[in-house]
Amino acid sequence: MPLPAIPRRVKIGDAAAFAGTTPRAVRHYHAIGLLPEPERGSDDRRRYGYDDMIRLLWIRRMADAGVPLDDIQAAFRGTTGIEESLARLEESLASKAAAIEAQQAAVKRLREVGSPLGLLSPLVTGRLHDLPLGALRSADLDTLLVTERVFGPLGAAVQANRFIVLATHPELRAEEDRLAEAEEALDDSMSPDDPRIEDLAAQRCDHETALETAGESSGLEEALNVFLDQEDEHAGEEEDGARMSVLEAIGKMPYDFSPARVRYEERVIELLHPTEPDGDTGLRTR
């Protein structure tokens, strides 16, 4: 079988298609001096020979590997700067690979859990995975999301105890709902000096104490300690500068609390943590 006609030179479109790129990219390589201008035919159009195609193929391979065009130029010149560039590129690719791995793990958890809970850290999903479907409310997940952002996975895993108690103690869930409704009524029509604020804050503190007692009597505190001991490898996974203090969170999250509600939250914190005047703990997001 005879060979097909073999062209000695090809047009820019054919050269680009063979190299897996576009004529526009090839013209850019010419403009920056990365690919020498080839000879032109009688029609004044560029014609690419074997050596041109080899150079173009190497350019595409290096570009596909992520090497910047300036560094490809340096590589062709044989300068030593390419080593530093490759080291930076390798570090960048490793970072991207870690990010992709984290995304894959999050998607896997999301599919396994079957709810937005799977988007939280493994510490939190692992703590709550035994709860029946629907036991966690949407507002509970919102709270865990904010807590994880402020305190990190360990803080959210600790807070998960609260939602385990609420999910397993109907009477405490009913009281939680009653208090939440009363808190919603602390709107702009109420003065921050209204005596009902103090009374409601005391009720909230009593409720939080009851939740803590229920968790202790159910063995949740001991179970949590065992759980956290087993998950120590996750302890530093959020130590990337993403954490913030409670005061920073209050200043950044648009809670839209009325002055009465702000005073109420302050009193709850003061009653629950009387020895912590800086207010840097005890934020309850619900």
C-alpha atoms as a PDB file:
ATOM      1  CA  MET A   1       0.000   0.000   0.000  1.00  0.00           C
ATOM      2  CA  PRO A   2       1.603   3.286  -1.053  1.00  0.00           C
ATOM      3  CA  LEU A   3       2.077   6.090   1.440  1.00  0.00           C
ATOM      4  CA  PRO A   4      -0.222   9.114   1.190  1.00  0.00           C
ATOM      5  CA  ALA A   5       1.272  12.283  -0.183  1.00  0.00           C
ATOM      6  CA  ILE A   6       3.534  13.743   2.515  1.00  0.00           C
ATOM      7  CA  PRO A   7       3.617  17.551   2.582  1.00  0.00           C
ATOM      8  CA  ARG A   8       7.004  19.159   3.025  1.00  0.00           C
ATOM      9  CA  ARG A   9       5.352  22.087   4.814  1.00  0.00           C
ATOM     10  CA  VAL A  10       1.880  22.707   6.265  1.00  0.00           C
ATOM     11  CA  LYS A  11      -0.306  25.755   6.872  1.00  0.00           C
ATOM     12  CA  ILE A  12      -0.839  27.268  10.319  1.00  0.00           C
ATOM     13  CA  GLY A  13      -4.267  25.654  10.776  1.00  0.00           C
ATOM     14  CA  ASP A  14      -2.888  22.181  10.126  1.00  0.00           C
ATOM     15  CA  ALA A  15       0.135  22.831  12.344  1.00  0.00           C
ATOM     16  CA  ALA A  16      -2.063  24.039  15.213  1.00  0.00           C
ATOM     17  CA  ALA A  17      -4.474  21.104  14.881  1.00  0.00           C
ATOM     18  CA  PHE A  18      -1.630  18.580  14.907  1.00  0.00           C
ATOM     19  CA  ALA A  19      -0.109  20.154  18.043  1.00  0.00           C
ATOM     20  CA  GLY A  20      -3.483  20.340  19.815  1.00  0.00           C
ATOM     21  CA  THR A  21      -3.727  24.105  19.915  1.00  0.00           C
ATOM     22  CA  THR A  22      -5.201  26.987  17.915  1.00  0.00           C
ATOM     23  CA  PRO A  23      -3.839  29.255  15.175  1.00  0.00           C
ATOM     24  CA  ARG A  24      -4.332  32.186  17.525  1.00  0.00           C
ATOM     25  CA  ALA A  25      -2.052  30.549  20.118  1.00  0.00           C
ATOM     26  CA  VAL A  26       0.568  29.821  17.465  1.00  0.00           C
ATOM     27  CA  ARG A  27       0.510  33.468  16.355  1.00  0.00           C
ATOM     28  CA  HIS A  28       0.988  34.492  20.012  1.00  0.00           C
ATOM     29  CA  TYR A  29       4.040  32.224  20.253  1.00  0.00           C
ATOM     30  CA  HIS A  30       5.432  34.043  17.233  1.00  0.00           C
ATOM     31  CA  ALA A  31       4.656  37.458  18.741  1.00  0.00           C
ATOM     32  CA  ILE A  32       6.577  36.753  21.971  1.00  0.00           C
ATOM     33  CA  GLY A  33       9.480  35.111  20.180  1.00  0.00           C
ATOM     34  CA  LEU A  34       8.794  31.646  21.541  1.00  0.00           C
ATOM     35  CA  LEU A  35       8.311  30.107  18.100  1.00  0.00           C
ATOM     36  CA  PRO A  36      10.383  31.537  15.245  1.00  0.00           C
ATOM     37  CA  GLU A  37       8.456  32.781  12.216  1.00  0.00           C
ATOM     38  CA  PRO A  38       8.574  30.104   9.493  1.00  0.00           C
ATOM     39  CA  GLU A  39       9.062  30.687   5.825  1.00  0.00           C
ATOM     40  CA  ARG A  40       6.087  31.887   3.836  1.00  0.00           C
ATOM     41  CA  GLY A  41       4.793  30.337   0.666  1.00  0.00           C
ATOM     42  CA  SER A  42       4.043  31.989  -2.638  1.00  0.00           C
ATOM     43  CA  ASP A  43       0.666  33.027  -1.224  1.00  0.00           C
ATOM     44  CA  ASP A  44       2.491  34.884   1.591  1.00  0.00           C
ATOM     45  CA  ARG A  45       1.116  32.489   4.208  1.00  0.00           C
ATOM     46  CA  ARG A  46       3.221  30.784   6.830  1.00  0.00           C
ATOM     47  CA  ARG A  47       4.394  27.275   6.061  1.00  0.00           C
ATOM     48  CA  TYR A  48       5.629  25.035   8.889  1.00  0.00           C
ATOM     49  CA  GLY A  49       8.295  22.403   8.429  1.00  0.00           C
ATOM     50  CA  TYR A  50       9.381  19.443  10.552  1.00  0.00           C
ATOM     51  CA  ASP A  51      11.601  21.450  12.926  1.00  0.00           C
ATOM     52  CA  ASP A  52       8.861  24.043  13.429  1.00  0.00           C
ATOM     53  CA  MET A  53       6.410  21.301  14.349  1.00  0.00           C
ATOM     54  CA  ILE A  54       8.833  19.700  16.810  1.00  0.00           C
ATOM     55  CA  ARG A  55       9.330  23.053  18.549  1.00  0.00           C
ATOM     56  CA  LEU A  56       5.573  23.636  18.638  1.00  0.00           C
ATOM     57  CA  LEU A  57       4.951  20.186  20.108  1.00  0.00           C
ATOM     58  CA  TRP A  58       7.488  20.812  22.897  1.00  0.00           C
ATOM     59  CA  ILE A  59       5.901  24.194  23.634  1.00  0.00           C
ATOM     60  CA  ARG A  60       2.497  22.558  23.965  1.00  0.00           C
ATOM     61  CA  ARG A  61       3.813  19.777  26.217  1.00  0.00           C
ATOM     62  CA  MET A  62       5.436  22.260  28.584  1.00  0.00           C
ATOM     63  CA  ALA A  63       2.413  24.568  28.544  1.00  0.00           C
ATOM     64  CA  ASP A  64       0.102  21.639  29.286  1.00  0.00           C
ATOM     65  CA  ALA A  65       2.352  20.758  32.241  1.00  0.00           C
ATOM     66  CA  GLY A  66       1.728  24.258  33.595  1.00  0.00           C
ATOM     67  CA  VAL A  67       5.088  25.819  32.762  1.00  0.00           C
ATOM     68  CA  PRO A  68       4.618  29.583  32.125  1.00  0.00           C
ATOM     69  CA  LEU A  69       5.479  30.773  28.624  1.00  0.00           C
ATOM     70  CA  ASP A  70       8.337  32.975  29.894  1.00  0.00           C
ATOM     71  CA  ASP A  71       9.904  29.943  31.545  1.00  0.00           C
ATOM     72  CA  ILE A  72       9.462  27.869  28.401  1.00  0.00           C
ATOM     73  CA  GLN A  73      11.477  30.560  26.635  1.00  0.00           C
ATOM     74  CA  ALA A  74      14.161  30.248  29.325  1.00  0.00           C
ATOM     75  CA  ALA A  75      14.182  26.473  28.897  1.00  0.00           C
ATOM     76  CA  PHE A  76      14.837  26.805  25.175  1.00  0.00           C
ATOM     77  CA  ARG A  77      17.648  29.255  25.899  1.00  0.00           C
ATOM     78  CA  GLY A  78      19.153  26.806  28.356  1.00  0.00           C
ATOM     79  CA  THR A  79      19.221  29.282  31.254  1.00  0.00           C
ATOM     80  CA  THR A  80      19.180  28.043  34.854  1.00  0.00           C
ATOM     81  CA  GLY A  81      16.117  30.028  35.931  1.00  0.00           C
ATOM     82  CA  ILE A  82      13.862  27.228  34.760  1.00  0.00           C
ATOM     83  CA  GLU A  83      14.787  25.142  37.828  1.00  0.00           C
ATOM     84  CA  GLU A  84      13.352  27.738  40.209  1.00  0.00           C
ATOM     85  CA  SER A  85      10.233  27.969  38.088  1.00  0.00           C
ATOM     86  CA  LEU A  86       9.782  24.216  38.100  1.00  0.00           C
ATOM     87  CA  ALA A  87      10.174  24.133  41.875  1.00  0.00           C
ATOM     88  CA  ARG A  88       7.441  26.765  42.239  1.00  0.00           C
ATOM     89  CA  LEU A  89       5.258  24.903  39.765  1.00  0.00           C
ATOM     90  CA  GLU A  90       5.713  21.640  41.645  1.00  0.00           C
ATOM     91  CA  GLU A  91       4.709  23.335  44.902  1.00  0.00           C
ATOM     92  CA  SER A  92       1.658  24.879  43.239  1.00  0.00           C
ATOM     93  CA  LEU A  93       0.585  21.557  41.749  1.00  0.00           C
ATOM     94  CA  ALA A  94       0.950  19.833  45.115  1.00  0.00           C
ATOM     95  CA  SER A  95      -1.285  22.479  46.678  1.00  0.00           C
ATOM     96  CA  LYS A  96      -3.867  22.059  43.930  1.00  0.00           C
ATOM     97  CA  ALA A  97      -3.738  18.275  44.319  1.00  0.00           C
ATOM     98  CA  ALA A  98      -4.395  18.615  48.057  1.00  0.00           C
ATOM     99  CA  ALA A  99      -7.324  20.920  47.349  1.00  0.00           C
ATOM    100  CA  ILE A 100      -8.768  18.456  44.834  1.00  0.00           C
ATOM    101  CA  GLU A 101      -8.348  15.607  47.318  1.00  0.00           C
ATOM    102  CA  ALA A 102     -10.212  17.633  49.954  1.00  0.00           C
ATOM    103  CA  GLN A 103     -12.994  18.361  47.462  1.00  0.00           C
ATOM    104  CA  GLN A 104     -13.278  14.682  46.563  1.00  0.00           C
ATOM    105  CA  ALA A 105     -13.500  13.768  50.243  1.00  0.00           C
ATOM    106  CA  ALA A 106     -16.226  16.379  50.794  1.00  0.00           C
ATOM    107  CA  VAL A 107     -18.246  15.111  47.830  1.00  0.00           C
ATOM    108  CA  LYS A 108     -17.882  11.540  49.084  1.00  0.00           C
ATOM    109  CA  ARG A 109     -19.095  12.533  52.567  1.00  0.00           C
ATOM    110  CA  LEU A 110     -21.974  14.485  51.054  1.00  0.00           C
ATOM    111  CA  ARG A 111     -23.104  11.441  49.060  1.00  0.00           C
ATOM    112  CA  GLU A 112     -22.698   9.082  52.004  1.00  0.00           C
ATOM    113  CA  VAL A 113     -24.498  11.315  54.502  1.00  0.00           C
ATOM    114  CA  GLY A 114     -27.174  12.395  52.051  1.00  0.00           C
ATOM    115  CA  SER A 115     -27.620  15.864  53.566  1.00  0.00           C
ATOM    116  CA  PRO A 116     -25.692  19.155  53.870  1.00  0.00           C
ATOM    117  CA  LEU A 117     -24.200  17.716  57.064  1.00  0.00           C
ATOM    118  CA  GLY A 118     -21.760  15.934  54.753  1.00  0.00           C
ATOM    119  CA  LEU A 119     -20.232  19.284  53.795  1.00  0.00           C
ATOM    120  CA  LEU A 120     -19.016  19.844  57.339  1.00  0.00           C
ATOM    121  CA  SER A 121     -15.766  18.386  58.613  1.00  0.00           C
ATOM    122  CA  PRO A 122     -15.323  14.654  59.240  1.00  0.00           C
ATOM    123  CA  LEU A 123     -15.175  15.387  62.990  1.00  0.00           C
ATOM    124  CA  VAL A 124     -18.723  16.769  62.927  1.00  0.00           C
ATOM    125  CA  THR A 125     -20.238  14.257  60.511  1.00  0.00           C
ATOM    126  CA  GLY A 126     -18.615  11.414  62.431  1.00  0.00           C
ATOM    127  CA  ARG A 127     -20.071  12.702  65.692  1.00  0.00           C
ATOM    128  CA  LEU A 128     -23.627  12.885  64.327  1.00  0.00           C
ATOM    129  CA  HIS A 129     -23.740   9.986  61.880  1.00  0.00           C
ATOM    130  CA  ASP A 130     -25.797   7.777  64.235  1.00  0.00           C
ATOM    131  CA  LEU A 131     -28.692  10.230  64.468  1.00  0.00           C
ATOM    132  CA  PRO A 132     -31.760   9.177  62.467  1.00  0.00           C
ATOM    133  CA  LEU A 133     -32.488  10.968  59.211  1.00  0.00           C
ATOM    134  CA  GLY A 134     -34.327  14.226  59.892  1.00  0.00           C
ATOM    135  CA  ALA A 135     -33.289  14.415  63.552  1.00  0.00           C
ATOM    136  CA  LEU A 136     -31.186  17.482  62.756  1.00  0.00           C
ATOM    137  CA  ARG A 137     -33.129  20.518  61.641  1.00  0.00           C
ATOM    138  CA  SER A 138     -31.989  22.928  58.984  1.00  0.00           C
ATOM    139  CA  ALA A 139     -31.363  25.574  61.658  1.00  0.00           C
ATOM    140  CA  ASP A 140     -29.193  23.068  63.568  1.00  0.00           C
ATOM    141  CA  LEU A 141     -27.027  22.562  60.488  1.00  0.00           C
ATOM    142  CA  ASP A 142     -26.787  26.328  60.053  1.00  0.00           C
ATOM    143  CA  THR A 143     -25.558  26.642  63.621  1.00  0.00           C
ATOM    144  CA  LEU A 144     -22.933  23.940  63.152  1.00  0.00           C
ATOM    145  CA  LEU A 145     -21.763  25.648  59.967  1.00  0.00           C
ATOM    146  CA  VAL A 146     -21.237  28.963  61.764  1.00  0.00           C
ATOM    147  CA  THR A 147     -19.634  27.287  64.781  1.00  0.00           C
ATOM    148  CA  GLU A 148     -17.186  25.380  62.595  1.00  0.00           C
ATOM    149  CA  ARG A 149     -16.256  28.628  60.874  1.00  0.00           C
ATOM    150  CA  VAL A 150     -15.620  30.370  64.201  1.00  0.00           C
ATOM    151  CA  PHE A 151     -14.241  27.591  66.407  1.00  0.00           C
ATOM    152  CA  GLY A 152     -13.108  25.018  63.842  1.00  0.00           C
ATOM    153  CA  PRO A 153     -14.045  21.312  63.633  1.00  0.00           C
ATOM    154  CA  LEU A 154     -13.308  20.584  67.294  1.00  0.00           C
ATOM    155  CA  GLY A 155     -15.625  23.355  68.450  1.00  0.00           C
ATOM    156  CA  ALA A 156     -18.395  22.156  66.162  1.00  0.00           C
ATOM    157  CA  ALA A 157     -17.896  18.549  67.279  1.00  0.00           C
ATOM    158  CA  VAL A 158     -18.280  19.648  70.887  1.00  0.00           C
ATOM    159  CA  GLN A 159     -21.404  21.604  69.996  1.00  0.00           C
ATOM    160  CA  ALA A 160     -22.790  18.515  68.278  1.00  0.00           C
ATOM    161  CA  ASN A 161     -23.462  17.129  71.759  1.00  0.00           C
ATOM    162  CA  ARG A 162     -26.129  19.805  72.145  1.00  0.00           C
ATOM    163  CA  PHE A 163     -27.987  18.644  69.066  1.00  0.00           C
ATOM    164  CA  ILE A 164     -27.700  14.993  70.043  1.00  0.00           C
ATOM    165  CA  VAL A 165     -29.417  15.856  73.330  1.00  0.00           C
ATOM    166  CA  LEU A 166     -32.117  17.875  71.567  1.00  0.00           C
ATOM    167  CA  ALA A 167     -32.729  15.055  69.091  1.00  0.00           C
ATOM    168  CA  THR A 168     -33.070  12.457  71.845  1.00  0.00           C
ATOM    169  CA  HIS A 169     -34.971  14.474  74.481  1.00  0.00           C
ATOM    170  CA  PRO A 170     -38.323  15.713  73.132  1.00  0.00           C
ATOM    171  CA  GLU A 171     -39.068  17.774  76.244  1.00  0.00           C
ATOM    172  CA  LEU A 172     -35.802  19.701  75.863  1.00  0.00           C
ATOM    173  CA  ARG A 173     -36.457  20.222  72.161  1.00  0.00           C
ATOM    174  CA  ALA A 174     -39.886  21.630  73.015  1.00  0.00           C
ATOM    175  CA  GLU A 175     -38.306  24.042  75.513  1.00  0.00           C
ATOM    176  CA  GLU A 176     -35.689  25.010  72.927  1.00  0.00           C
ATOM    177  CA  ASP A 177     -38.468  25.846  70.471  1.00  0.00           C
ATOM    178  CA  ARG A 178     -40.344  27.872  73.085  1.00  0.00           C
ATOM    179  CA  LEU A 179     -37.268  29.899  73.959  1.00  0.00           C
ATOM    180  CA  ALA A 180     -36.381  30.431  70.300  1.00  0.00           C
ATOM    181  CA  GLU A 181     -39.861  31.810  69.664  1.00  0.00           C
ATOM    182  CA  ALA A 182     -39.565  34.132  72.668  1.00  0.00           C
ATOM    183  CA  GLU A 183     -36.170  35.314  71.452  1.00  0.00           C
ATOM    184  CA  GLU A 184     -37.596  36.140  68.031  1.00  0.00           C
ATOM    185  CA  ALA A 185     -40.061  38.448  69.814  1.00  0.00           C
ATOM    186  CA  LEU A 186     -37.163  40.573  71.103  1.00  0.00           C
ATOM    187  CA  ASP A 187     -37.600  43.042  68.254  1.00  0.00           C
ATOM    188  CA  ASP A 188     -37.143  46.769  67.816  1.00  0.00           C
ATOM    189  CA  SER A 189     -40.395  47.471  69.633  1.00  0.00           C
ATOM    190  CA  MET A 190     -38.855  46.362  72.942  1.00  0.00           C
ATOM    191  CA  SER A 191     -36.520  48.477  75.024  1.00  0.00           C
ATOM    192  CA  PRO A 192     -33.119  46.994  75.993  1.00  0.00           C
ATOM    193  CA  ASP A 193     -34.063  47.820  79.592  1.00  0.00           C
ATOM    194  CA  ASP A 194     -37.261  45.764  79.529  1.00  0.00           C
ATOM    195  CA  PRO A 195     -37.253  43.488  82.627  1.00  0.00           C
ATOM    196  CA  ARG A 196     -38.518  40.592  80.512  1.00  0.00           C
ATOM    197  CA  ILE A 197     -35.063  40.388  78.954  1.00  0.00           C
ATOM    198  CA  GLU A 198     -33.483  39.463  82.272  1.00  0.00           C
ATOM    199  CA  ASP A 199     -36.163  36.856  82.942  1.00  0.00           C
ATOM    200  CA  LEU A 200     -35.782  35.264  79.509  1.00  0.00           C
ATOM    201  CA  ALA A 201     -31.985  35.231  79.808  1.00  0.00           C
ATOM    202  CA  ALA A 202     -32.303  33.363  83.100  1.00  0.00           C
ATOM    203  CA  GLN A 203     -34.650  30.845  81.444  1.00  0.00           C
ATOM    204  CA  ARG A 204     -32.154  30.336  78.634  1.00  0.00           C
ATOM    205  CA  CYS A 205     -29.364  29.710  81.134  1.00  0.00           C
ATOM    206  CA  ASP A 206     -31.508  27.176  83.000  1.00  0.00           C
ATOM    207  CA  HIS A 207     -32.199  25.451  79.702  1.00  0.00           C
ATOM    208  CA  GLU A 208     -28.530  25.348  78.719  1.00  0.00           C
ATOM    209  CA  THR A 209     -27.727  23.873  82.124  1.00  0.00           C
ATOM    210  CA  ALA A 210     -30.409  21.218  81.605  1.00  0.00           C
ATOM    211  CA  LEU A 211     -28.951  20.362  78.206  1.00  0.00           C
ATOM    212  CA  GLU A 212     -25.498  19.972  79.711  1.00  0.00           C
ATOM    213  CA  THR A 213     -26.841  17.804  82.538  1.00  0.00           C
ATOM    214  CA  ALA A 214     -28.731  15.607  80.086  1.00  0.00           C
ATOM    215  CA  GLY A 215     -25.594  15.165  78.028  1.00  0.00           C
ATOM    216  CA  GLU A 216     -23.577  14.150  81.059  1.00  0.00           C
ATOM    217  CA  SER A 217     -26.208  11.724  82.334  1.00  0.00           C
ATOM    218  CA  SER A 218     -26.481  10.164  78.873  1.00  0.00           C
ATOM    219  CA  GLY A 219     -22.749   9.575  78.773  1.00  0.00           C
ATOM    220  CA  LEU A 220     -22.332  11.982  75.885  1.00  0.00           C
ATOM    221  CA  GLU A 221     -19.512  13.923  77.526  1.00  0.00           C
ATOM    222  CA  GLU A 222     -17.462  10.782  78.079  1.00  0.00           C
ATOM    223  CA  ALA A 223     -18.298   9.539  74.596  1.00  0.00           C
ATOM    224  CA  LEU A 224     -17.224  12.868  73.159  1.00  0.00           C
ATOM    225  CA  ASN A 225     -13.860  12.695  74.885  1.00  0.00           C
ATOM    226  CA  VAL A 226     -13.261   9.196  73.528  1.00  0.00           C
ATOM    227  CA  PHE A 227     -14.359  10.315  70.092  1.00  0.00           C
ATOM    228  CA  LEU A 228     -12.032  13.308  70.071  1.00  0.00           C
ATOM    229  CA  ASP A 229      -9.121  11.188  71.302  1.00  0.00           C
ATOM    230  CA  GLN A 230      -9.681   8.889  68.319  1.00  0.00           C
ATOM    231  CA  GLU A 231      -9.864  11.819  65.909  1.00  0.00           C
ATOM    232  CA  ASP A 232      -6.744  13.688  67.003  1.00  0.00           C
ATOM    233  CA  GLU A 233      -5.383  13.632  63.467  1.00  0.00           C
ATOM    234  CA  HIS A 234      -8.053  16.140  62.467  1.00  0.00           C
ATOM    235  CA  ALA A 235      -7.244  18.582  65.237  1.00  0.00           C
ATOM    236  CA  GLY A 236      -5.099  20.801  63.067  1.00  0.00           C
ATOM    237  CA  GLU A 237      -6.942  20.573  59.801  1.00  0.00           C
ATOM    238  CA  GLU A 238      -8.394  24.069  60.097  1.00  0.00           C
ATOM    239  CA  GLU A 239      -5.245  25.753  61.373  1.00  0.00           C
ATOM    240  CA  ASP A 240      -4.831  27.667  58.136  1.00  0.00           C
ATOM    241  CA  GLY A 241      -5.689  31.175  59.269  1.00  0.00           C
ATOM    242  CA  ALA A 242      -9.379  30.697  58.502  1.00  0.00           C
ATOM    243  CA  ARG A 243     -10.425  30.757  62.150  1.00  0.00           C
ATOM    244  CA  MET A 244     -11.670  33.932  63.831  1.00  0.00           C
ATOM    245  CA  SER A 245     -12.595  35.000  67.329  1.00  0.00           C
ATOM    246  CA  VAL A 246     -16.202  35.233  68.493  1.00  0.00           C
ATOM    247  CA  LEU A 247     -15.959  39.014  68.588  1.00  0.00           C
ATOM    248  CA  GLU A 248     -14.759  39.025  64.988  1.00  0.00           C
ATOM    249  CA  ALA A 249     -17.621  36.720  64.041  1.00  0.00           C
ATOM    250  CA  ILE A 250     -20.171  38.989  65.711  1.00  0.00           C
ATOM    251  CA  GLY A 251     -18.782  41.901  63.733  1.00  0.00           C
ATOM    252  CA  LYS A 252     -18.884  40.046  60.415  1.00  0.00           C
ATOM    253  CA  MET A 253     -22.101  37.996  60.581  1.00  0.00           C
ATOM    254  CA  PRO A 254     -25.252  40.035  59.788  1.00  0.00           C
ATOM    255  CA  TYR A 255     -27.361  38.843  62.724  1.00  0.00           C
ATOM    256  CA  ASP A 256     -29.660  41.885  62.470  1.00  0.00           C
ATOM    257  CA  PHE A 257     -30.357  41.711  66.195  1.00  0.00           C
ATOM    258  CA  SER A 258     -32.440  44.442  67.730  1.00  0.00           C
ATOM    259  CA  PRO A 259     -30.928  46.381  70.672  1.00  0.00           C
ATOM    260  CA  ALA A 260     -33.130  44.306  72.972  1.00  0.00           C
ATOM    261  CA  ARG A 261     -31.844  41.067  71.440  1.00  0.00           C
ATOM    262  CA  VAL A 262     -28.250  42.248  71.689  1.00  0.00           C
ATOM    263  CA  ARG A 263     -28.749  43.020  75.374  1.00  0.00           C
ATOM    264  CA  TYR A 264     -30.355  39.619  75.858  1.00  0.00           C
ATOM    265  CA  GLU A 265     -27.411  37.812  74.234  1.00  0.00           C
ATOM    266  CA  GLU A 266     -25.005  39.787  76.399  1.00  0.00           C
ATOM    267  CA  ARG A 267     -26.887  38.810  79.558  1.00  0.00           C
ATOM    268  CA  VAL A 268     -26.926  35.137  78.557  1.00  0.00           C
ATOM    269  CA  ILE A 269     -23.155  35.206  78.069  1.00  0.00           C
ATOM    270  CA  GLU A 270     -22.660  37.027  81.365  1.00  0.00           C
ATOM    271  CA  LEU A 271     -24.823  34.537  83.239  1.00  0.00           C
ATOM    272  CA  LEU A 272     -23.276  31.472  81.633  1.00  0.00           C
ATOM    273  CA  HIS A 273     -19.681  32.743  81.845  1.00  0.00           C
ATOM    274  CA  PRO A 274     -19.491  35.208  84.742  1.00  0.00           C
ATOM    275  CA  THR A 275     -15.676  34.996  84.908  1.00  0.00           C
ATOM    276  CA  GLU A 276     -15.145  35.743  81.214  1.00  0.00           C
ATOM    277  CA  PRO A 277     -15.821  39.486  80.873  1.00  0.00           C
ATOM    278  CA  ASP A 278     -14.179  39.727  77.442  1.00  0.00           C
ATOM    279  CA  GLY A 279     -17.084  37.829  75.912  1.00  0.00           C
ATOM    280  CA  ASP A 280     -14.747  35.735  73.828  1.00  0.00           C
ATOM    281  CA  THR A 281     -16.678  32.534  74.496  1.00  0.00           C
ATOM    282  CA  GLY A 282     -20.279  31.555  74.741  1.00  0.00           C
ATOM    283  CA  LEU A 283     -21.662  32.852  71.446  1.00  0.00           C
ATOM    284  CA  ARG A 284     -24.794  30.878  70.678  1.00  0.00           C
ATOM    285  CA  THR A 285     -25.765  30.838  67.017  1.00  0.00           C
ATOM    286  CA  ARG A 286     -29.186  29.407  66.405  1.00  0.00           C
END
